[in-house]
Amino acid sequence: MSPVRFVLFGRGRSGTTALVSLLDNVKDIHCDGEILSRPVLLPQLYLQSCCANSHANVYGCKILSYHIRDVQPILKRRRFLNRLDNAGFKIIHLQRRNLFLHALSNLKARVFGFYQKKADGPARSKPITVQLESLLDWVQRSEQLAKYELELLQGLNILSLTYEDNLQDSSHHQPTVDQICSFLGVPSSSATSAYRKQSSSCWQDEIANYQEVTDFLSKTPYAHYLDDI
């Protein structure tokens, strides 16, 4: 296998696609996308074979937490990342702190598409009408996955990143790449992502019924996410 190897781990709609694109542009790094999005017979062996077949000095891939929890036929799910760690894969954990905006991103993705390349030109999406129960369901599911991720990562030496601190602003992309390369012990280089975020800087512009959403969320345990925007 590649002498240096890593796994980018987290939830979807947290900047993982952009980060894969950034890292894949770094010299000597090959970073695959969601290689475990469909069931495979032996997930760890399959990941190791992808690493070996890459012939790269540094190999990485993206694994989403629901791939481990819901997709792959893994008997001891809570030990899966430990086994990867023992096999020499360093773990980079990417989170999204604001679960309201995370839920909104998921809802929009199902209307307009999951990502868009820079070459596709400016995004021209109309505001969406948010179904309140769907919003609450997404927030709660994201919260559950966040807890599940921490359980899987317990006791491991990981690099923790957040969408808000490391990827939301493009000016943070290169420092983030430098930080990851330092964690991996490899030289960094200039890197740019082939993808750009779709969301507006003002979330109210993205929701047709934003006042209804605000009133609804303010009466839930998740009201503080409105204050964090």
Foldseek 3Di string as FASTA:
>chain_A
DQPFEAEEEEAALFCPQQLQQFQCQWPQEHEEEAPLPAEDDDVVVVVVVVVVVVPTNYYYYYHYLCSLVPHYPDPCSLCPVVVVVVVNYAYAYEEADQLLVSLVLVVVCVVPNNFDFVVVDADDDAAEADDQVSSVVSSVVNVVSVVVVCSSCPPHDHHYHYCVQAPLDQVNPQVVQCVVCVVRVHDTDDGGGRTDDRDDPDNVRRHPPVVVNLVSCCPDPSNVSVVVD
